[in-house]
Amino acid sequence: MSDPSPTPTFLVYAPYYTDADILSRRNAARPHHLEHIEGLVKSGIIRVGGILMEPEPAPGNAPNPVGSSMIVQMGSASEVREMLKVDPYYVSNVWDKEKLVVLGFFAATPLP
């Protein structure tokens, strides 16, 4: 019997909205987002994830968060999109829904 096909891997780019209230919405949703993500990490669905930061903050300023990114293993891109739609950052209008990107991903190095 042959091994089953590997679970497809996807890269998610989830930029934040850029309005003046984004950081307060993000801070309010963050504990719920982290709790939600914890189960996905433990189950092996999210392999790597983190915050995207502005690349060049003004001198003397800390960089601002501008989005999230993650490497996800699920059956299809549509399943990944459905997973994103129940995340507190999506529900709370932290992630810019029109700019979310889900791409197939082939890792050239081992994933954790």
PDB file of N, CA and C in Angstrom:
ATOM      1  N   MET A   1       0.841  -1.177   0.000  1.00  0.00           N
ATOM      2  CA  MET A   1       0.000   0.000   0.000  1.00  0.00           C
ATOM      3  C   MET A   1       0.884   1.237   0.000  1.00  0.00           C
ATOM      4  N   SER A   2       0.576   2.213  -0.819  1.00  0.00           N
ATOM      5  CA  SER A   2       1.395   3.418  -0.903  1.00  0.00           C
ATOM      6  C   SER A   2       0.993   4.413   0.184  1.00  0.00           C
ATOM      7  N   ASP A   3       1.919   5.313   0.488  1.00  0.00           N
ATOM      8  CA  ASP A   3       1.640   6.352   1.476  1.00  0.00           C
ATOM      9  C   ASP A   3       0.591   7.305   0.926  1.00  0.00           C
ATOM     10  N   PRO A   4      -0.259   7.854   1.814  1.00  0.00           N
ATOM     11  CA  PRO A   4      -1.229   8.837   1.333  1.00  0.00           C
ATOM     12  C   PRO A   4      -0.503  10.093   0.848  1.00  0.00           C
ATOM     13  N   SER A   5      -1.150  10.828  -0.021  1.00  0.00           N
ATOM     14  CA  SER A   5      -0.569  12.079  -0.516  1.00  0.00           C
ATOM     15  C   SER A   5      -0.360  13.038   0.648  1.00  0.00           C
ATOM     16  N   PRO A   6       0.711  13.820   0.597  1.00  0.00           N
ATOM     17  CA  PRO A   6       0.924  14.793   1.671  1.00  0.00           C
ATOM     18  C   PRO A   6      -0.181  15.853   1.653  1.00  0.00           C
ATOM     19  N   THR A   7      -0.468  16.388   2.820  1.00  0.00           N
ATOM     20  CA  THR A   7      -1.468  17.446   2.927  1.00  0.00           C
ATOM     21  C   THR A   7      -0.943  18.689   2.215  1.00  0.00           C
ATOM     22  N   PRO A   8      -1.763  19.314   1.377  1.00  0.00           N
ATOM     23  CA  PRO A   8      -1.315  20.529   0.690  1.00  0.00           C
ATOM     24  C   PRO A   8      -0.908  21.621   1.685  1.00  0.00           C
ATOM     25  N   THR A   9       0.051  22.412   1.281  1.00  0.00           N
ATOM     26  CA  THR A   9       0.574  23.492   2.114  1.00  0.00           C
ATOM     27  C   THR A   9       0.275  24.821   1.438  1.00  0.00           C
ATOM     28  N   PHE A  10      -0.085  25.824   2.252  1.00  0.00           N
ATOM     29  CA  PHE A  10      -0.463  27.138   1.735  1.00  0.00           C
ATOM     30  C   PHE A  10       0.222  28.236   2.539  1.00  0.00           C
ATOM     31  N   LEU A  11       0.511  29.332   1.858  1.00  0.00           N
ATOM     32  CA  LEU A  11       1.018  30.546   2.488  1.00  0.00           C
ATOM     33  C   LEU A  11      -0.138  31.529   2.556  1.00  0.00           C
ATOM     34  N   VAL A  12      -0.380  32.074   3.744  1.00  0.00           N
ATOM     35  CA  VAL A  12      -1.441  33.060   3.929  1.00  0.00           C
ATOM     36  C   VAL A  12      -0.804  34.413   4.200  1.00  0.00           C
ATOM     37  N   TYR A  13      -1.241  35.417   3.453  1.00  0.00           N
ATOM     38  CA  TYR A  13      -0.863  36.815   3.671  1.00  0.00           C
ATOM     39  C   TYR A  13      -2.139  37.542   4.065  1.00  0.00           C
ATOM     40  N   ALA A  14      -2.175  38.062   5.295  1.00  0.00           N
ATOM     41  CA  ALA A  14      -3.380  38.698   5.821  1.00  0.00           C
ATOM     42  C   ALA A  14      -3.041  40.102   6.321  1.00  0.00           C
ATOM     43  N   PRO A  15      -3.041  41.087   5.418  1.00  0.00           N
ATOM     44  CA  PRO A  15      -2.725  42.449   5.843  1.00  0.00           C
ATOM     45  C   PRO A  15      -3.846  43.031   6.695  1.00  0.00           C
ATOM     46  N   TYR A  16      -3.471  43.943   7.570  1.00  0.00           N
ATOM     47  CA  TYR A  16      -4.463  44.627   8.392  1.00  0.00           C
ATOM     48  C   TYR A  16      -5.097  45.759   7.587  1.00  0.00           C
ATOM     49  N   TYR A  17      -6.299  46.136   8.004  1.00  0.00           N
ATOM     50  CA  TYR A  17      -6.864  47.384   7.503  1.00  0.00           C
ATOM     51  C   TYR A  17      -5.937  48.510   7.935  1.00  0.00           C
ATOM     52  N   THR A  18      -6.034  49.655   7.298  1.00  0.00           N
ATOM     53  CA  THR A  18      -5.103  50.751   7.574  1.00  0.00           C
ATOM     54  C   THR A  18      -5.782  51.983   8.168  1.00  0.00           C
ATOM     55  N   ASP A  19      -7.014  51.840   8.639  1.00  0.00           N
ATOM     56  CA  ASP A  19      -7.719  52.993   9.216  1.00  0.00           C
ATOM     57  C   ASP A  19      -7.144  53.350  10.590  1.00  0.00           C
ATOM     58  N   ALA A  20      -7.559  54.499  11.112  1.00  0.00           N
ATOM     59  CA  ALA A  20      -7.017  55.024  12.366  1.00  0.00           C
ATOM     60  C   ALA A  20      -7.318  54.144  13.580  1.00  0.00           C
ATOM     61  N   ASP A  21      -8.364  53.329  13.529  1.00  0.00           N
ATOM     62  CA  ASP A  21      -8.755  52.513  14.679  1.00  0.00           C
ATOM     63  C   ASP A  21      -8.221  51.082  14.639  1.00  0.00           C
ATOM     64  N   ILE A  22      -7.378  50.764  13.670  1.00  0.00           N
ATOM     65  CA  ILE A  22      -6.962  49.374  13.488  1.00  0.00           C
ATOM     66  C   ILE A  22      -6.236  48.812  14.712  1.00  0.00           C
ATOM     67  N   LEU A  23      -5.338  49.574  15.312  1.00  0.00           N
ATOM     68  CA  LEU A  23      -4.575  49.024  16.439  1.00  0.00           C
ATOM     69  C   LEU A  23      -5.468  48.764  17.649  1.00  0.00           C
ATOM     70  N   SER A  24      -6.479  49.599  17.879  1.00  0.00           N
ATOM     71  CA  SER A  24      -7.382  49.332  19.006  1.00  0.00           C
ATOM     72  C   SER A  24      -8.226  48.087  18.731  1.00  0.00           C
ATOM     73  N   ARG A  25      -8.688  47.892  17.484  1.00  0.00           N
ATOM     74  CA  ARG A  25      -9.433  46.668  17.147  1.00  0.00           C
ATOM     75  C   ARG A  25      -8.540  45.442  17.280  1.00  0.00           C
ATOM     76  N   ARG A  26      -7.306  45.564  16.799  1.00  0.00           N
ATOM     77  CA  ARG A  26      -6.365  44.446  16.892  1.00  0.00           C
ATOM     78  C   ARG A  26      -6.106  44.090  18.346  1.00  0.00           C
ATOM     79  N   ASN A  27      -5.840  45.093  19.177  1.00  0.00           N
ATOM     80  CA  ASN A  27      -5.553  44.830  20.586  1.00  0.00           C
ATOM     81  C   ASN A  27      -6.743  44.194  21.299  1.00  0.00           C
ATOM     82  N   ALA A  28      -7.959  44.601  20.945  1.00  0.00           N
ATOM     83  CA  ALA A  28      -9.158  44.018  21.556  1.00  0.00           C
ATOM     84  C   ALA A  28      -9.352  42.565  21.119  1.00  0.00           C
ATOM     85  N   ALA A  29      -9.064  42.266  19.867  1.00  0.00           N
ATOM     86  CA  ALA A  29      -9.286  40.918  19.330  1.00  0.00           C
ATOM     87  C   ALA A  29      -8.117  39.971  19.599  1.00  0.00           C
ATOM     88  N   ARG A  30      -6.963  40.505  19.918  1.00  0.00           N
ATOM     89  CA  ARG A  30      -5.740  39.700  20.008  1.00  0.00           C
ATOM     90  C   ARG A  30      -5.839  38.511  20.964  1.00  0.00           C
ATOM     91  N   PRO A  31      -6.333  38.672  22.209  1.00  0.00           N
ATOM     92  CA  PRO A  31      -6.404  37.494  23.092  1.00  0.00           C
ATOM     93  C   PRO A  31      -7.271  36.375  22.505  1.00  0.00           C
ATOM     94  N   HIS A  32      -8.370  36.740  21.871  1.00  0.00           N
ATOM     95  CA  HIS A  32      -9.264  35.747  21.266  1.00  0.00           C
ATOM     96  C   HIS A  32      -8.605  35.092  20.047  1.00  0.00           C
ATOM     97  N   HIS A  33      -7.888  35.907  19.269  1.00  0.00           N
ATOM     98  CA  HIS A  33      -7.159  35.395  18.104  1.00  0.00           C
ATOM     99  C   HIS A  33      -6.105  34.377  18.555  1.00  0.00           C
ATOM    100  N   LEU A  34      -5.326  34.729  19.574  1.00  0.00           N
ATOM    101  CA  LEU A  34      -4.271  33.828  20.048  1.00  0.00           C
ATOM    102  C   LEU A  34      -4.851  32.528  20.597  1.00  0.00           C
ATOM    103  N   GLU A  35      -5.968  32.611  21.298  1.00  0.00           N
ATOM    104  CA  GLU A  35      -6.626  31.408  21.809  1.00  0.00           C
ATOM    105  C   GLU A  35      -7.102  30.524  20.657  1.00  0.00           C
ATOM    106  N   HIS A  36      -7.672  31.151  19.633  1.00  0.00           N
ATOM    107  CA  HIS A  36      -8.152  30.419  18.455  1.00  0.00           C
ATOM    108  C   HIS A  36      -6.989  29.745  17.722  1.00  0.00           C
ATOM    109  N   ILE A  37      -5.920  30.484  17.523  1.00  0.00           N
ATOM    110  CA  ILE A  37      -4.750  29.990  16.791  1.00  0.00           C
ATOM    111  C   ILE A  37      -4.072  28.838  17.536  1.00  0.00           C
ATOM    112  N   GLU A  38      -4.084  28.889  18.859  1.00  0.00           N
ATOM    113  CA  GLU A  38      -3.402  27.860  19.654  1.00  0.00           C
ATOM    114  C   GLU A  38      -3.864  26.450  19.283  1.00  0.00           C
ATOM    115  N   GLY A  39      -5.154  26.261  19.121  1.00  0.00           N
ATOM    116  CA  GLY A  39      -5.664  24.947  18.739  1.00  0.00           C
ATOM    117  C   GLY A  39      -5.228  24.529  17.352  1.00  0.00           C
ATOM    118  N   LEU A  40      -5.154  25.488  16.438  1.00  0.00           N
ATOM    119  CA  LEU A  40      -4.730  25.192  15.066  1.00  0.00           C
ATOM    120  C   LEU A  40      -3.247  24.826  15.009  1.00  0.00           C
ATOM    121  N   VAL A  41      -2.453  25.453  15.867  1.00  0.00           N
ATOM    122  CA  VAL A  41      -1.029  25.120  15.938  1.00  0.00           C
ATOM    123  C   VAL A  41      -0.856  23.726  16.547  1.00  0.00           C
ATOM    124  N   LYS A  42      -1.560  23.465  17.641  1.00  0.00           N
ATOM    125  CA  LYS A  42      -1.448  22.155  18.305  1.00  0.00           C
ATOM    126  C   LYS A  42      -1.879  21.017  17.397  1.00  0.00           C
ATOM    127  N   SER A  43      -2.861  21.268  16.541  1.00  0.00           N
ATOM    128  CA  SER A  43      -3.349  20.221  15.636  1.00  0.00           C
ATOM    129  C   SER A  43      -2.459  20.046  14.410  1.00  0.00           C
ATOM    130  N   GLY A  44      -1.473  20.942  14.225  1.00  0.00           N
ATOM    131  CA  GLY A  44      -0.572  20.843  13.081  1.00  0.00           C
ATOM    132  C   GLY A  44      -1.080  21.524  11.827  1.00  0.00           C
ATOM    133  N   ILE A  45      -2.222  22.193  11.907  1.00  0.00           N
ATOM    134  CA  ILE A  45      -2.747  22.897  10.732  1.00  0.00           C
ATOM    135  C   ILE A  45      -1.892  24.115  10.425  1.00  0.00           C
ATOM    136  N   ILE A  46      -1.624  24.929  11.440  1.00  0.00           N
ATOM    137  CA  ILE A  46      -0.717  26.066  11.256  1.00  0.00           C
ATOM    138  C   ILE A  46       0.671  25.596  11.648  1.00  0.00           C
ATOM    139  N   ARG A  47       1.584  25.639  10.681  1.00  0.00           N
ATOM    140  CA  ARG A  47       2.956  25.173  10.916  1.00  0.00           C
ATOM    141  C   ARG A  47       3.861  26.302  11.381  1.00  0.00           C
ATOM    142  N   VAL A  48       3.654  27.494  10.823  1.00  0.00           N
ATOM    143  CA  VAL A  48       4.435  28.679  11.160  1.00  0.00           C
ATOM    144  C   VAL A  48       3.499  29.865  11.034  1.00  0.00           C
ATOM    145  N   GLY A  49       3.599  30.803  11.934  1.00  0.00           N
ATOM    146  CA  GLY A  49       2.774  31.998  11.823  1.00  0.00           C
ATOM    147  C   GLY A  49       3.403  33.141  12.581  1.00  0.00           C
ATOM    148  N   GLY A  50       2.997  34.355  12.233  1.00  0.00           N
ATOM    149  CA  GLY A  50       3.526  35.505  12.943  1.00  0.00           C
ATOM    150  C   GLY A  50       2.994  36.815  12.424  1.00  0.00           C
ATOM    151  N   ILE A  51       3.522  37.865  13.027  1.00  0.00           N
ATOM    152  CA  ILE A  51       3.118  39.233  12.721  1.00  0.00           C
ATOM    153  C   ILE A  51       4.039  39.790  11.640  1.00  0.00           C
ATOM    154  N   LEU A  52       3.459  40.484  10.690  1.00  0.00           N
ATOM    155  CA  LEU A  52       4.234  41.232   9.703  1.00  0.00           C
ATOM    156  C   LEU A  52       4.396  42.659  10.216  1.00  0.00           C
ATOM    157  N   MET A  53       5.610  43.174  10.149  1.00  0.00           N
ATOM    158  CA  MET A  53       5.902  44.517  10.650  1.00  0.00           C
ATOM    159  C   MET A  53       6.267  45.442   9.498  1.00  0.00           C
ATOM    160  N   GLU A  54       6.000  46.733   9.687  1.00  0.00           N
ATOM    161  CA  GLU A  54       6.415  47.681   8.660  1.00  0.00           C
ATOM    162  C   GLU A  54       7.931  47.587   8.511  1.00  0.00           C
ATOM    163  N   PRO A  55       8.437  47.653   7.276  1.00  0.00           N
ATOM    164  CA  PRO A  55       9.861  47.386   7.061  1.00  0.00           C
ATOM    165  C   PRO A  55      10.795  48.506   7.492  1.00  0.00           C
ATOM    166  N   GLU A  56      10.336  49.745   7.453  1.00  0.00           N
ATOM    167  CA  GLU A  56      11.223  50.863   7.766  1.00  0.00           C
ATOM    168  C   GLU A  56      10.480  51.900   8.594  1.00  0.00           C
ATOM    169  N   PRO A  57      10.411  51.688   9.919  1.00  0.00           N
ATOM    170  CA  PRO A  57       9.729  52.679  10.752  1.00  0.00           C
ATOM    171  C   PRO A  57      10.507  53.988  10.781  1.00  0.00           C
ATOM    172  N   ALA A  58       9.834  55.041  11.168  1.00  0.00           N
ATOM    173  CA  ALA A  58      10.501  56.337  11.303  1.00  0.00           C
ATOM    174  C   ALA A  58      11.620  56.208  12.335  1.00  0.00           C
ATOM    175  N   PRO A  59      12.706  56.938  12.151  1.00  0.00           N
ATOM    176  CA  PRO A  59      13.820  56.854  13.103  1.00  0.00           C
ATOM    177  C   PRO A  59      13.338  57.071  14.538  1.00  0.00           C
ATOM    178  N   GLY A  60      13.773  56.194  15.435  1.00  0.00           N
ATOM    179  CA  GLY A  60      13.403  56.287  16.836  1.00  0.00           C
ATOM    180  C   GLY A  60      12.079  55.637  17.182  1.00  0.00           C
ATOM    181  N   ASN A  61      11.327  55.176  16.188  1.00  0.00           N
ATOM    182  CA  ASN A  61      10.035  54.532  16.436  1.00  0.00           C
ATOM    183  C   ASN A  61      10.153  53.024  16.288  1.00  0.00           C
ATOM    184  N   ALA A  62       9.368  52.317  17.077  1.00  0.00           N
ATOM    185  CA  ALA A  62       9.269  50.866  16.912  1.00  0.00           C
ATOM    186  C   ALA A  62       8.428  50.588  15.673  1.00  0.00           C
ATOM    187  N   PRO A  63       8.691  49.503  14.965  1.00  0.00           N
ATOM    188  CA  PRO A  63       7.869  49.192  13.786  1.00  0.00           C
ATOM    189  C   PRO A  63       6.443  48.833  14.195  1.00  0.00           C
ATOM    190  N   ASN A  64       5.487  49.242  13.383  1.00  0.00           N
ATOM    191  CA  ASN A  64       4.080  48.917  13.615  1.00  0.00           C
ATOM    192  C   ASN A  64       3.730  47.595  12.948  1.00  0.00           C
ATOM    193  N   PRO A  65       2.834  46.825  13.569  1.00  0.00           N
ATOM    194  CA  PRO A  65       2.348  45.616  12.900  1.00  0.00           C
ATOM    195  C   PRO A  65       1.466  46.006  11.719  1.00  0.00           C
ATOM    196  N   VAL A  66       1.618  45.292  10.608  1.00  0.00           N
ATOM    197  CA  VAL A  66       0.834  45.606   9.405  1.00  0.00           C
ATOM    198  C   VAL A  66       0.043  44.408   8.888  1.00  0.00           C
ATOM    199  N   GLY A  67       0.196  43.250   9.528  1.00  0.00           N
ATOM    200  CA  GLY A  67      -0.541  42.088   9.061  1.00  0.00           C
ATOM    201  C   GLY A  67      -0.051  40.816   9.723  1.00  0.00           C
ATOM    202  N   SER A  68      -0.610  39.725   9.243  1.00  0.00           N
ATOM    203  CA  SER A  68      -0.241  38.392   9.717  1.00  0.00           C
ATOM    204  C   SER A  68       0.165  37.548   8.520  1.00  0.00           C
ATOM    205  N   SER A  69       0.983  36.546   8.794  1.00  0.00           N
ATOM    206  CA  SER A  69       1.342  35.584   7.767  1.00  0.00           C
ATOM    207  C   SER A  69       1.447  34.224   8.429  1.00  0.00           C
ATOM    208  N   MET A  70       1.109  33.190   7.676  1.00  0.00           N
ATOM    209  CA  MET A  70       1.201  31.843   8.226  1.00  0.00           C
ATOM    210  C   MET A  70       1.373  30.823   7.121  1.00  0.00           C
ATOM    211  N   ILE A  71       1.950  29.714   7.480  1.00  0.00           N
ATOM    212  CA  ILE A  71       2.032  28.559   6.597  1.00  0.00           C
ATOM    213  C   ILE A  71       1.091  27.517   7.184  1.00  0.00           C
ATOM    214  N   VAL A  72       0.158  27.071   6.353  1.00  0.00           N
ATOM    215  CA  VAL A  72      -0.957  26.244   6.794  1.00  0.00           C
ATOM    216  C   VAL A  72      -0.992  24.960   5.976  1.00  0.00           C
ATOM    217  N   GLN A  73      -1.328  23.858   6.627  1.00  0.00           N
ATOM    218  CA  GLN A  73      -1.536  22.600   5.907  1.00  0.00           C
ATOM    219  C   GLN A  73      -2.992  22.179   6.080  1.00  0.00           C
ATOM    220  N   MET A  74      -3.722  22.215   4.966  1.00  0.00           N
ATOM    221  CA  MET A  74      -5.136  21.825   4.927  1.00  0.00           C
ATOM    222  C   MET A  74      -5.409  21.206   3.570  1.00  0.00           C
ATOM    223  N   GLY A  75      -6.593  20.658   3.407  1.00  0.00           N
ATOM    224  CA  GLY A  75      -6.942  19.951   2.185  1.00  0.00           C
ATOM    225  C   GLY A  75      -7.022  20.794   0.938  1.00  0.00           C
ATOM    226  N   SER A  76      -7.405  22.079   1.075  1.00  0.00           N
ATOM    227  CA  SER A  76      -7.559  22.931  -0.108  1.00  0.00           C
ATOM    228  C   SER A  76      -7.497  24.398   0.292  1.00  0.00           C
ATOM    229  N   ALA A  77      -7.274  25.252  -0.699  1.00  0.00           N
ATOM    230  CA  ALA A  77      -7.258  26.694  -0.455  1.00  0.00           C
ATOM    231  C   ALA A  77      -8.612  27.172   0.051  1.00  0.00           C
ATOM    232  N   SER A  78      -9.694  26.589  -0.448  1.00  0.00           N
ATOM    233  CA  SER A  78     -11.019  27.011   0.021  1.00  0.00           C
ATOM    234  C   SER A  78     -11.209  26.656   1.497  1.00  0.00           C
ATOM    235  N   GLU A  79     -10.660  25.537   1.952  1.00  0.00           N
ATOM    236  CA  GLU A  79     -10.719  25.193   3.379  1.00  0.00           C
ATOM    237  C   GLU A  79      -9.927  26.201   4.209  1.00  0.00           C
ATOM    238  N   VAL A  80      -8.791  26.642   3.691  1.00  0.00           N
ATOM    239  CA  VAL A  80      -7.998  27.655   4.396  1.00  0.00           C
ATOM    240  C   VAL A  80      -8.811  28.941   4.510  1.00  0.00           C
ATOM    241  N   ARG A  81      -9.456  29.360   3.426  1.00  0.00           N
ATOM    242  CA  ARG A  81     -10.270  30.589   3.457  1.00  0.00           C
ATOM    243  C   ARG A  81     -11.403  30.476   4.476  1.00  0.00           C
ATOM    244  N   GLU A  82     -12.030  29.312   4.544  1.00  0.00           N
ATOM    245  CA  GLU A  82     -13.106  29.106   5.528  1.00  0.00           C
ATOM    246  C   GLU A  82     -12.549  29.164   6.952  1.00  0.00           C
ATOM    247  N   MET A  83     -11.358  28.624   7.166  1.00  0.00           N
ATOM    248  CA  MET A  83     -10.716  28.697   8.472  1.00  0.00           C
ATOM    249  C   MET A  83     -10.462  30.156   8.859  1.00  0.00           C
ATOM    250  N   LEU A  84     -10.002  30.953   7.894  1.00  0.00           N
ATOM    251  CA  LEU A  84      -9.713  32.358   8.168  1.00  0.00           C
ATOM    252  C   LEU A  84     -10.977  33.128   8.538  1.00  0.00           C
ATOM    253  N   LYS A  85     -12.091  32.782   7.941  1.00  0.00           N
ATOM    254  CA  LYS A  85     -13.344  33.520   8.161  1.00  0.00           C
ATOM    255  C   LYS A  85     -13.884  33.400   9.581  1.00  0.00           C
ATOM    256  N   VAL A  86     -13.442  32.417  10.352  1.00  0.00           N
ATOM    257  CA  VAL A  86     -13.899  32.296  11.735  1.00  0.00           C
ATOM    258  C   VAL A  86     -12.862  32.809  12.738  1.00  0.00           C
ATOM    259  N   ASP A  87     -11.724  33.266  12.251  1.00  0.00           N
ATOM    260  CA  ASP A  87     -10.703  33.806  13.139  1.00  0.00           C
ATOM    261  C   ASP A  87     -11.175  35.154  13.701  1.00  0.00           C
ATOM    262  N   PRO A  88     -10.915  35.422  14.983  1.00  0.00           N
ATOM    263  CA  PRO A  88     -11.316  36.707  15.560  1.00  0.00           C
ATOM    264  C   PRO A  88     -10.754  37.929  14.822  1.00  0.00           C
ATOM    265  N   TYR A  89      -9.581  37.825  14.199  1.00  0.00           N
ATOM    266  CA  TYR A  89      -9.070  38.966  13.438  1.00  0.00           C
ATOM    267  C   TYR A  89      -9.918  39.223  12.196  1.00  0.00           C
ATOM    268  N   TYR A  90     -10.448  38.196  11.592  1.00  0.00           N
ATOM    269  CA  TYR A  90     -11.328  38.355  10.428  1.00  0.00           C
ATOM    270  C   TYR A  90     -12.668  38.925  10.887  1.00  0.00           C
ATOM    271  N   VAL A  91     -13.256  38.294  11.906  1.00  0.00           N
ATOM    272  CA  VAL A  91     -14.576  38.684  12.405  1.00  0.00           C
ATOM    273  C   VAL A  91     -14.558  40.118  12.945  1.00  0.00           C
ATOM    274  N   SER A  92     -13.451  40.522  13.561  1.00  0.00           N
ATOM    275  CA  SER A  92     -13.338  41.852  14.173  1.00  0.00           C
ATOM    276  C   SER A  92     -12.798  42.913  13.225  1.00  0.00           C
ATOM    277  N   ASN A  93     -12.700  42.589  11.953  1.00  0.00           N
ATOM    278  CA  ASN A  93     -12.226  43.549  10.937  1.00  0.00           C
ATOM    279  C   ASN A  93     -10.821  44.067  11.218  1.00  0.00           C
ATOM    280  N   VAL A  94      -9.944  43.146  11.608  1.00  0.00           N
ATOM    281  CA  VAL A  94      -8.522  43.459  11.720  1.00  0.00           C
ATOM    282  C   VAL A  94      -7.859  43.149  10.382  1.00  0.00           C
ATOM    283  N   TRP A  95      -8.081  41.934   9.868  1.00  0.00           N
ATOM    284  CA  TRP A  95      -7.548  41.576   8.550  1.00  0.00           C
ATOM    285  C   TRP A  95      -8.390  42.222   7.464  1.00  0.00           C
ATOM    286  N   ASP A  96      -7.725  42.773   6.468  1.00  0.00           N
ATOM    287  CA  ASP A  96      -8.408  43.372   5.316  1.00  0.00           C
ATOM    288  C   ASP A  96      -8.927  42.238   4.433  1.00  0.00           C
ATOM    289  N   LYS A  97     -10.217  42.010   4.491  1.00  0.00           N
ATOM    290  CA  LYS A  97     -10.835  40.855   3.830  1.00  0.00           C
ATOM    291  C   LYS A  97     -10.636  40.849   2.320  1.00  0.00           C
ATOM    292  N   GLU A  98     -10.562  42.019   1.714  1.00  0.00           N
ATOM    293  CA  GLU A  98     -10.395  42.086   0.258  1.00  0.00           C
ATOM    294  C   GLU A  98      -8.951  41.861  -0.174  1.00  0.00           C
ATOM    295  N   LYS A  99      -8.018  41.940   0.763  1.00  0.00           N
ATOM    296  CA  LYS A  99      -6.603  41.789   0.416  1.00  0.00           C
ATOM    297  C   LYS A  99      -5.990  40.482   0.918  1.00  0.00           C
ATOM    298  N   LEU A 100      -6.793  39.629   1.566  1.00  0.00           N
ATOM    299  CA  LEU A 100      -6.284  38.329   2.010  1.00  0.00           C
ATOM    300  C   LEU A 100      -5.805  37.520   0.811  1.00  0.00           C
ATOM    301  N   VAL A 101      -4.667  36.867   0.952  1.00  0.00           N
ATOM    302  CA  VAL A 101      -4.108  36.051  -0.123  1.00  0.00           C
ATOM    303  C   VAL A 101      -3.800  34.662   0.433  1.00  0.00           C
ATOM    304  N   VAL A 102      -4.233  33.643  -0.297  1.00  0.00           N
ATOM    305  CA  VAL A 102      -3.907  32.251   0.024  1.00  0.00           C
ATOM    306  C   VAL A 102      -3.257  31.662  -1.221  1.00  0.00           C
ATOM    307  N   LEU A 103      -1.992  31.255  -1.093  1.00  0.00           N
ATOM    308  CA  LEU A 103      -1.234  30.705  -2.219  1.00  0.00           C
ATOM    309  C   LEU A 103      -0.732  29.308  -1.882  1.00  0.00           C
ATOM    310  N   GLY A 104      -0.692  28.446  -2.873  1.00  0.00           N
ATOM    311  CA  GLY A 104      -0.030  27.164  -2.696  1.00  0.00           C
ATOM    312  C   GLY A 104       1.433  27.411  -2.371  1.00  0.00           C
ATOM    313  N   PHE A 105       2.017  26.538  -1.546  1.00  0.00           N
ATOM    314  CA  PHE A 105       3.380  26.761  -1.080  1.00  0.00           C
ATOM    315  C   PHE A 105       4.128  25.440  -1.051  1.00  0.00           C
ATOM    316  N   PHE A 106       5.319  25.434  -1.610  1.00  0.00           N
ATOM    317  CA  PHE A 106       6.202  24.277  -1.531  1.00  0.00           C
ATOM    318  C   PHE A 106       7.449  24.707  -0.773  1.00  0.00           C
ATOM    319  N   ALA A 107       7.663  24.140   0.402  1.00  0.00           N
ATOM    320  CA  ALA A 107       8.802  24.515   1.237  1.00  0.00           C
ATOM    321  C   ALA A 107      10.081  23.881   0.706  1.00  0.00           C
ATOM    322  N   ALA A 108      11.101  24.695   0.514  1.00  0.00           N
ATOM    323  CA  ALA A 108      12.400  24.199   0.080  1.00  0.00           C
ATOM    324  C   ALA A 108      13.245  23.754   1.275  1.00  0.00           C
ATOM    325  N   THR A 109      12.804  24.125   2.472  1.00  0.00           N
ATOM    326  CA  THR A 109      13.467  23.708   3.703  1.00  0.00           C
ATOM    327  C   THR A 109      12.423  23.032   4.592  1.00  0.00           C
ATOM    328  N   PRO A 110      12.838  22.229   5.545  1.00  0.00           N
ATOM    329  CA  PRO A 110      11.861  21.552   6.407  1.00  0.00           C
ATOM    330  C   PRO A 110      11.030  22.544   7.213  1.00  0.00           C
ATOM    331  N   LEU A 111       9.743  22.231   7.361  1.00  0.00           N
ATOM    332  CA  LEU A 111       8.877  23.029   8.223  1.00  0.00           C
ATOM    333  C   LEU A 111       8.998  22.516   9.649  1.00  0.00           C
ATOM    334  N   PRO A 112       8.858  23.405  10.623  1.00  0.00           N
ATOM    335  CA  PRO A 112       8.912  22.934  12.017  1.00  0.00           C
ATOM    336  C   PRO A 112       7.748  22.007  12.324  1.00  0.00           C
TER     337      PRO A 112
END
